[in-house]
C-alpha atoms as a PDB file:
ATOM      1  CA  MET A   1      46.701 120.582  59.305  1.00  0.00           C
ATOM      2  CA  GLU A   2      49.809 122.573  58.929  1.00  0.00           C
ATOM      3  CA  ARG A   3      51.200 121.508  62.228  1.00  0.00           C
ATOM      4  CA  VAL A   4      50.902 117.862  60.566  1.00  0.00           C
ATOM      5  CA  LEU A   5      52.576 119.242  57.202  1.00  0.00           C
ATOM      6  CA  SER A   6      55.430 120.779  59.027  1.00  0.00           C
ATOM      7  CA  ALA A   7      55.759 117.605  60.750  1.00  0.00           C
ATOM      8  CA  LEU A   8      56.108 115.984  58.089  1.00  0.00           C
ATOM      9  CA  MET A   9      58.894 117.918  56.638  1.00  0.00           C
ATOM     10  CA  GLY A  10      60.792 118.431  60.081  1.00  0.00           C
ATOM     11  CA  ASN A  11      61.473 121.601  61.553  1.00  0.00           C
ATOM     12  CA  SER A  12      64.685 122.615  62.351  1.00  0.00           C
ATOM     13  CA  GLY A  13      66.814 120.524  64.598  1.00  0.00           C
ATOM     14  CA  GLN A  14      63.732 117.752  64.457  1.00  0.00           C
ATOM     15  CA  GLU A  15      63.523 114.773  62.502  1.00  0.00           C
ATOM     16  CA  SER A  16      60.665 114.763  59.928  1.00  0.00           C
ATOM     17  CA  LEU A  17      57.656 112.001  59.473  1.00  0.00           C
ATOM     18  CA  LEU A  18      59.631 110.616  56.638  1.00  0.00           C
ATOM     19  CA  GLU A  19      63.102 110.133  58.691  1.00  0.00           C
ATOM     20  CA  ARG A  20      61.394 108.911  61.760  1.00  0.00           C
ATOM     21  CA  ALA A  21      59.052 106.281  59.582  1.00  0.00           C
ATOM     22  CA  TYR A  22      62.492 104.977  58.208  1.00  0.00           C
ATOM     23  CA  THR A  23      64.299 104.652  61.326  1.00  0.00           C
ATOM     24  CA  ASP A  24      61.164 102.814  62.445  1.00  0.00           C
ATOM     25  CA  ALA A  25      61.451 100.368  59.370  1.00  0.00           C
ATOM     26  CA  VAL A  26      64.989  99.908  59.861  1.00  0.00           C
ATOM     27  CA  GLU A  27      64.963  99.542  63.331  1.00  0.00           C
ATOM     28  CA  GLN A  28      61.487  97.226  63.450  1.00  0.00           C
ATOM     29  CA  VAL A  29      59.891  99.343  66.043  1.00  0.00           C
ATOM     30  CA  ASP A  30      56.892  97.810  67.386  1.00  0.00           C
ATOM     31  CA  GLU A  31      55.158 100.167  70.160  1.00  0.00           C
ATOM     32  CA  MET A  32      51.418  99.385  69.145  1.00  0.00           C
ATOM     33  CA  ASP A  33      48.857  98.134  71.502  1.00  0.00           C
ATOM     34  CA  GLU A  34      45.849  96.821  70.187  1.00  0.00           C
ATOM     35  CA  THR A  35      43.132  99.523  71.096  1.00  0.00           C
ATOM     36  CA  ARG A  36      45.857 102.077  69.388  1.00  0.00           C
ATOM     37  CA  ALA A  37      45.931 100.087  66.307  1.00  0.00           C
ATOM     38  CA  ASN A  38      42.523  99.856  65.869  1.00  0.00           C
ATOM     39  CA  VAL A  39      42.053 103.794  66.468  1.00  0.00           C
ATOM     40  CA  LEU A  40      44.718 104.206  63.838  1.00  0.00           C
ATOM     41  CA  ASP A  41      43.281 101.795  61.282  1.00  0.00           C
ATOM     42  CA  ALA A  42      39.782 103.490  61.765  1.00  0.00           C
ATOM     43  CA  ALA A  43      41.292 107.137  61.214  1.00  0.00           C
ATOM     44  CA  TYR A  44      42.808 105.673  58.144  1.00  0.00           C
ATOM     45  CA  GLU A  45      39.792 104.831  56.332  1.00  0.00           C
ATOM     46  CA  GLN A  46      37.991 107.936  57.797  1.00  0.00           C
ATOM     47  CA  PHE A  47      40.605 110.174  56.158  1.00  0.00           C
ATOM     48  CA  SER A  48      40.657 108.180  53.269  1.00  0.00           C
ATOM     49  CA  ARG A  49      36.854 108.206  52.134  1.00  0.00           C
ATOM     50  CA  MET A  50      36.118 111.877  53.848  1.00  0.00           C
ATOM     51  CA  GLY A  51      39.196 113.674  53.321  1.00  0.00           C
ATOM     52  CA  ILE A  52      41.328 114.860  56.797  1.00  0.00           C
ATOM     53  CA  GLN A  53      39.894 118.240  56.754  1.00  0.00           C
ATOM     54  CA  ARG A  54      36.156 117.197  56.919  1.00  0.00           C
ATOM     55  CA  SER A  55      36.602 114.414  59.331  1.00  0.00           C
ATOM     56  CA  THR A  56      36.379 114.731  63.197  1.00  0.00           C
ATOM     57  CA  MET A  57      37.677 112.717  66.379  1.00  0.00           C
ATOM     58  CA  GLU A  58      34.309 112.030  66.761  1.00  0.00           C
ATOM     59  CA  ASP A  59      34.171 110.512  63.074  1.00  0.00           C
ATOM     60  CA  VAL A  60      36.805 108.510  63.763  1.00  0.00           C
ATOM     61  CA  ALA A  61      35.816 107.133  67.269  1.00  0.00           C
ATOM     62  CA  ARG A  62      32.712 105.911  66.067  1.00  0.00           C
ATOM     63  CA  ARG A  63      34.178 104.124  63.160  1.00  0.00           C
ATOM     64  CA  ALA A  64      36.864 102.500  65.362  1.00  0.00           C
ATOM     65  CA  GLY A  65      33.868 101.275  67.701  1.00  0.00           C
ATOM     66  CA  VAL A  66      35.150 103.526  70.925  1.00  0.00           C
ATOM     67  CA  SER A  67      34.458 106.451  73.009  1.00  0.00           C
ATOM     68  CA  ARG A  68      35.960 109.722  71.904  1.00  0.00           C
ATOM     69  CA  ILE A  69      37.239 110.099  75.516  1.00  0.00           C
ATOM     70  CA  THR A  70      39.532 106.542  74.146  1.00  0.00           C
ATOM     71  CA  VAL A  71      40.509 108.136  71.051  1.00  0.00           C
ATOM     72  CA  TYR A  72      41.375 111.675  73.211  1.00  0.00           C
ATOM     73  CA  ARG A  73      43.753 109.538  75.327  1.00  0.00           C
ATOM     74  CA  ARG A  74      45.992 108.264  73.101  1.00  0.00           C
ATOM     75  CA  PHE A  75      45.877 111.045  70.655  1.00  0.00           C
ATOM     76  CA  VAL A  76      45.674 114.526  72.302  1.00  0.00           C
ATOM     77  CA  THR A  77      44.495 116.376  69.340  1.00  0.00           C
ATOM     78  CA  LYS A  78      43.520 115.693  66.024  1.00  0.00           C
ATOM     79  CA  ASP A  79      46.775 117.144  64.367  1.00  0.00           C
ATOM     80  CA  ALA A  80      48.666 114.284  66.691  1.00  0.00           C
ATOM     81  CA  LEU A  81      46.538 111.556  65.119  1.00  0.00           C
ATOM     82  CA  VAL A  82      46.510 112.599  61.936  1.00  0.00           C
ATOM     83  CA  GLU A  83      50.524 112.663  62.639  1.00  0.00           C
ATOM     84  CA  GLN A  84      50.401 109.093  63.675  1.00  0.00           C
ATOM     85  CA  VAL A  85      48.566 107.306  60.690  1.00  0.00           C
ATOM     86  CA  VAL A  86      50.725 109.305  57.863  1.00  0.00           C
ATOM     87  CA  ARG A  87      53.900 108.532  60.063  1.00  0.00           C
ATOM     88  CA  ARG A  88      52.371 104.592  60.021  1.00  0.00           C
ATOM     89  CA  GLU A  89      51.823 104.719  56.332  1.00  0.00           C
ATOM     90  CA  PHE A  90      55.348 106.002  55.717  1.00  0.00           C
ATOM     91  CA  ARG A  91      56.510 103.258  58.011  1.00  0.00           C
ATOM     92  CA  ARG A  92      54.460 100.535  55.917  1.00  0.00           C
ATOM     93  CA  TYR A  93      56.047 102.227  52.579  1.00  0.00           C
ATOM     94  CA  PHE A  94      59.418 101.860  54.123  1.00  0.00           C
ATOM     95  CA  ASP A  95      58.911  98.035  55.231  1.00  0.00           C
ATOM     96  CA  ARG A  96      57.813  97.259  51.959  1.00  0.00           C
ATOM     97  CA  PHE A  97      60.630  99.255  50.307  1.00  0.00           C
ATOM     98  CA  LEU A  98      63.281  97.234  52.356  1.00  0.00           C
ATOM     99  CA  THR A  99      62.113  94.158  51.808  1.00  0.00           C
ATOM    100  CA  GLU A 100      61.612  94.488  48.098  1.00  0.00           C
ATOM    101  CA  ILE A 101      65.234  96.420  47.683  1.00  0.00           C
ATOM    102  CA  LYS A 102      66.720  92.603  48.824  1.00  0.00           C
ATOM    103  CA  GLN A 103      65.900  91.283  45.559  1.00  0.00           C
ATOM    104  CA  ALA A 104      68.220  93.497  43.282  1.00  0.00           C
ATOM    105  CA  GLU A 105      71.487  92.498  42.838  1.00  0.00           C
ATOM    106  CA  THR A 106      73.217  95.963  41.389  1.00  0.00           C
ATOM    107  CA  ALA A 107      73.331  99.561  42.087  1.00  0.00           C
ATOM    108  CA  ALA A 108      71.240 100.034  38.930  1.00  0.00           C
ATOM    109  CA  ASP A 109      68.556  97.681  40.012  1.00  0.00           C
ATOM    110  CA  ARG A 110      67.768  99.219  43.275  1.00  0.00           C
ATOM    111  CA  VAL A 111      67.511 102.750  41.358  1.00  0.00           C
ATOM    112  CA  VAL A 112      64.911 100.809  39.120  1.00  0.00           C
ATOM    113  CA  LEU A 113      63.235  98.936  41.850  1.00  0.00           C
ATOM    114  CA  GLY A 114      63.088 102.360  44.342  1.00  0.00           C
ATOM    115  CA  PHE A 115      61.554 104.496  41.815  1.00  0.00           C
ATOM    116  CA  VAL A 116      58.889 102.046  40.631  1.00  0.00           C
ATOM    117  CA  SER A 117      58.087 101.094  44.100  1.00  0.00           C
ATOM    118  CA  ALA A 118      57.618 104.889  45.493  1.00  0.00           C
ATOM    119  CA  LEU A 119      55.546 105.937  42.463  1.00  0.00           C
ATOM    120  CA  ARG A 120      53.256 102.766  43.304  1.00  0.00           C
ATOM    121  CA  ALA A 121      52.856 103.663  46.873  1.00  0.00           C
ATOM    122  CA  ILE A 122      52.219 107.176  46.634  1.00  0.00           C
ATOM    123  CA  ARG A 123      49.531 106.645  43.887  1.00  0.00           C
ATOM    124  CA  SER A 124      47.767 103.879  45.290  1.00  0.00           C
ATOM    125  CA  ASN A 125      47.757 104.908  48.766  1.00  0.00           C
ATOM    126  CA  PRO A 126      44.244 105.892  49.600  1.00  0.00           C
ATOM    127  CA  LEU A 127      45.437 108.503  52.304  1.00  0.00           C
ATOM    128  CA  ILE A 128      48.805 109.629  50.935  1.00  0.00           C
ATOM    129  CA  GLY A 129      48.398 109.556  47.250  1.00  0.00           C
ATOM    130  CA  GLY A 130      44.319 110.367  47.345  1.00  0.00           C
ATOM    131  CA  LEU A 131      45.041 114.185  49.496  1.00  0.00           C
ATOM    132  CA  SER A 132      46.535 115.314  46.230  1.00  0.00           C
ATOM    133  CA  ALA A 133      42.824 114.762  44.717  1.00  0.00           C
ATOM    134  CA  ALA A 134      40.602 115.109  47.750  1.00  0.00           C
ATOM    135  CA  GLU A 135      42.557 118.322  49.005  1.00  0.00           C
ATOM    136  CA  PRO A 136      44.780 119.451  46.464  1.00  0.00           C
ATOM    137  CA  ASP A 137      44.692 123.273  47.501  1.00  0.00           C
ATOM    138  CA  LEU A 138      46.060 122.312  50.835  1.00  0.00           C
ATOM    139  CA  LEU A 139      48.554 119.911  49.497  1.00  0.00           C
ATOM    140  CA  MET A 140      50.010 121.894  46.622  1.00  0.00           C
ATOM    141  CA  ALA A 141      50.362 125.192  48.621  1.00  0.00           C
ATOM    142  CA  SER A 142      52.369 123.081  51.381  1.00  0.00           C
ATOM    143  CA  THR A 143      54.776 121.769  48.539  1.00  0.00           C
ATOM    144  CA  ILE A 144      55.104 125.098  46.333  1.00  0.00           C
ATOM    145  CA  SER A 145      55.516 127.508  49.367  1.00  0.00           C
ATOM    146  CA  ASP A 146      57.692 125.630  51.746  1.00  0.00           C
ATOM    147  CA  ASP A 147      61.133 126.699  50.298  1.00  0.00           C
ATOM    148  CA  GLY A 148      61.946 123.377  49.132  1.00  0.00           C
ATOM    149  CA  ARG A 149      61.735 121.581  52.393  1.00  0.00           C
ATOM    150  CA  THR A 150      59.427 118.750  50.942  1.00  0.00           C
ATOM    151  CA  LEU A 151      61.993 118.254  48.503  1.00  0.00           C
ATOM    152  CA  ALA A 152      64.891 118.615  50.628  1.00  0.00           C
ATOM    153  CA  ILE A 153      63.365 115.854  52.994  1.00  0.00           C
ATOM    154  CA  VAL A 154      63.324 113.195  50.059  1.00  0.00           C
ATOM    155  CA  ARG A 155      66.398 113.960  48.475  1.00  0.00           C
ATOM    156  CA  GLN A 156      68.140 113.627  52.068  1.00  0.00           C
ATOM    157  CA  PHE A 157      66.670 110.347  52.056  1.00  0.00           C
ATOM    158  CA  VAL A 158      67.487 109.021  48.290  1.00  0.00           C
ATOM    159  CA  ALA A 159      70.886 110.642  48.805  1.00  0.00           C
ATOM    160  CA  GLY A 160      71.558 108.476  52.073  1.00  0.00           C
ATOM    161  CA  GLN A 161      70.513 105.312  49.837  1.00  0.00           C
ATOM    162  CA  LEU A 162      73.169 106.307  47.161  1.00  0.00           C
ATOM    163  CA  ARG A 163      75.480 107.047  49.830  1.00  0.00           C
ATOM    164  CA  ARG A 164      75.317 103.378  50.641  1.00  0.00           C
ATOM    165  CA  GLU A 165      76.148 102.601  47.521  1.00  0.00           C
ATOM    166  CA  GLN A 166      78.791 104.761  47.280  1.00  0.00           C
ATOM    167  CA  ARG A 167      80.596 103.336  50.348  1.00  0.00           C
ATOM    168  CA  ALA A 168      79.833  99.721  49.048  1.00  0.00           C
ATOM    169  CA  GLY A 169      82.329 100.814  45.840  1.00  0.00           C
ATOM    170  CA  ASN A 170      78.814 100.265  43.950  1.00  0.00           C
ATOM    171  CA  VAL A 171      78.937 103.759  42.490  1.00  0.00           C
ATOM    172  CA  SER A 172      81.716 106.102  41.372  1.00  0.00           C
ATOM    173  CA  PRO A 173      83.646 107.891  44.634  1.00  0.00           C
ATOM    174  CA  ASP A 174      83.286 110.934  42.666  1.00  0.00           C
ATOM    175  CA  LEU A 175      79.298 111.133  42.229  1.00  0.00           C
ATOM    176  CA  ASP A 176      78.175 114.203  43.173  1.00  0.00           C
ATOM    177  CA  ILE A 177      75.396 112.544  45.222  1.00  0.00           C
ATOM    178  CA  ASP A 178      73.415 115.416  46.340  1.00  0.00           C
ATOM    179  CA  PHE A 179      72.722 116.592  42.881  1.00  0.00           C
ATOM    180  CA  VAL A 180      72.184 113.037  41.631  1.00  0.00           C
ATOM    181  CA  ALA A 181      69.463 112.581  44.170  1.00  0.00           C
ATOM    182  CA  GLU A 182      67.839 116.102  43.589  1.00  0.00           C
ATOM    183  CA  MET A 183      67.408 115.097  40.069  1.00  0.00           C
ATOM    184  CA  MET A 184      66.020 111.776  40.623  1.00  0.00           C
ATOM    185  CA  VAL A 185      63.623 113.384  43.360  1.00  0.00           C
ATOM    186  CA  ARG A 186      62.597 116.092  40.730  1.00  0.00           C
ATOM    187  CA  VAL A 187      62.032 113.490  37.948  1.00  0.00           C
ATOM    188  CA  SER A 188      59.795 111.389  40.518  1.00  0.00           C
ATOM    189  CA  GLY A 189      57.700 114.589  41.757  1.00  0.00           C
ATOM    190  CA  SER A 190      56.838 115.595  37.886  1.00  0.00           C
ATOM    191  CA  PHE A 191      55.174 112.386  37.546  1.00  0.00           C
ATOM    192  CA  LEU A 192      53.299 112.157  40.752  1.00  0.00           C
ATOM    193  CA  ALA A 193      52.327 116.236  39.956  1.00  0.00           C
ATOM    194  CA  ILE A 194      51.446 116.357  36.368  1.00  0.00           C
ATOM    195  CA  PRO A 195      49.893 113.099  34.560  1.00  0.00           C
ATOM    196  CA  SER A 196      51.438 112.001  31.547  1.00  0.00           C
ATOM    197  CA  GLU A 197      49.960 110.771  28.201  1.00  0.00           C
ATOM    198  CA  LEU A 198      53.006 109.068  26.938  1.00  0.00           C
ATOM    199  CA  ILE A 199      53.703 106.538  29.896  1.00  0.00           C
ATOM    200  CA  ASP A 200      51.162 104.659  31.802  1.00  0.00           C
ATOM    201  CA  LEU A 201      52.198 105.314  35.513  1.00  0.00           C
ATOM    202  CA  ASP A 202      50.549 102.117  36.551  1.00  0.00           C
ATOM    203  CA  ASP A 203      52.556  99.917  34.561  1.00  0.00           C
ATOM    204  CA  ASP A 204      55.516  98.945  36.383  1.00  0.00           C
ATOM    205  CA  GLU A 205      57.195  98.035  33.305  1.00  0.00           C
ATOM    206  CA  GLN A 206      56.630 101.210  31.638  1.00  0.00           C
ATOM    207  CA  VAL A 207      57.759 102.999  34.744  1.00  0.00           C
ATOM    208  CA  ALA A 208      60.906 100.825  35.030  1.00  0.00           C
ATOM    209  CA  ALA A 209      61.983 101.384  31.745  1.00  0.00           C
ATOM    210  CA  LEU A 210      61.903 104.805  32.177  1.00  0.00           C
ATOM    211  CA  ALA A 211      63.906 104.230  35.203  1.00  0.00           C
ATOM    212  CA  ARG A 212      66.657 102.469  33.502  1.00  0.00           C
ATOM    213  CA  ARG A 213      66.714 104.866  30.463  1.00  0.00           C
ATOM    214  CA  PHE A 214      66.696 108.384  32.264  1.00  0.00           C
ATOM    215  CA  LEU A 215      67.590 107.416  36.258  1.00  0.00           C
ATOM    216  CA  VAL A 216      70.285 104.647  36.052  1.00  0.00           C
ATOM    217  CA  PRO A 217      72.559 106.475  33.824  1.00  0.00           C
ATOM    218  CA  MET A 218      73.022 109.163  36.211  1.00  0.00           C
ATOM    219  CA  LEU A 219      74.935 106.984  38.538  1.00  0.00           C
ATOM    220  CA  ASP A 220      77.662 107.488  35.939  1.00  0.00           C
ATOM    221  CA  ALA A 221      77.276 111.140  35.648  1.00  0.00           C
ATOM    222  CA  PRO A 222      80.309 113.396  35.499  1.00  0.00           C
ATOM    223  CA  PRO A 223      80.884 115.755  38.642  1.00  0.00           C
ATOM    224  CA  HIS A 224      78.678 118.793  38.812  1.00  0.00           C
ATOM    225  CA  PRO A 225      80.026 121.648  36.432  1.00  0.00           C
ATOM    226  CA  MET A 226      80.504 124.266  39.163  1.00  0.00           C
ATOM    227  CA  GLU A 227      81.879 121.377  41.396  1.00  0.00           C
ATOM    228  CA  ARG A 228      84.576 121.254  38.834  1.00  0.00           C
ATOM    229  CA  SER A 229      84.878 124.895  38.715  1.00  0.00           C
ATOM    230  CA  GLN A 230      86.035 125.410  42.233  1.00  0.00           C
ATOM    231  CA  PRO A 231      89.782 125.794  42.891  1.00  0.00           C
ATOM    232  CA  SER A 232      91.940 122.809  44.447  1.00  0.00           C
END
């Protein structure tokens, strides 16, 4: 499982699962044969129901209606199978995200939509969202003790979206992209990690209102104080 978490965040010099899934979505990569898709479907259901650690390759093969050898031919190890299941779930999220984002007319609208869709996708996904409930010690340990790598990967994705807005002239050229991206990710992460008594996170309208009130104004934020203090 540690190997999968490492792949999710990315090792030095390697793309993370998040980055690869986003690239797959943008380029509409499709390398899935029927048997491979069937095994991934079965693994997703097995992991969602029983958790990753308690599931075996034999469990997946049985649920897929194929032999264990067939599973191992396509996925050499359980870690490799888990990695591909997680990658496919992120790919599905990015597919939806890229479709939904076309409906937004302004940078502010895209920030709101991105925030709402991200919380919805993670909270409603039985595998990714369910990991925090089914295997909280494993998940929390990986995100707290990884020296900020998880946050950095997600921040890089958000920063990439904001840079596209900046290049298109939709936000100020002086906007501190990395700092704003980090603040947006930290706000999102706090709501995912800690339930709120004030906001119903399953209510898209409430989540959108939160984004408009606190995230959208970040697009007009002045340069970071440390950046202003640097000599020219």
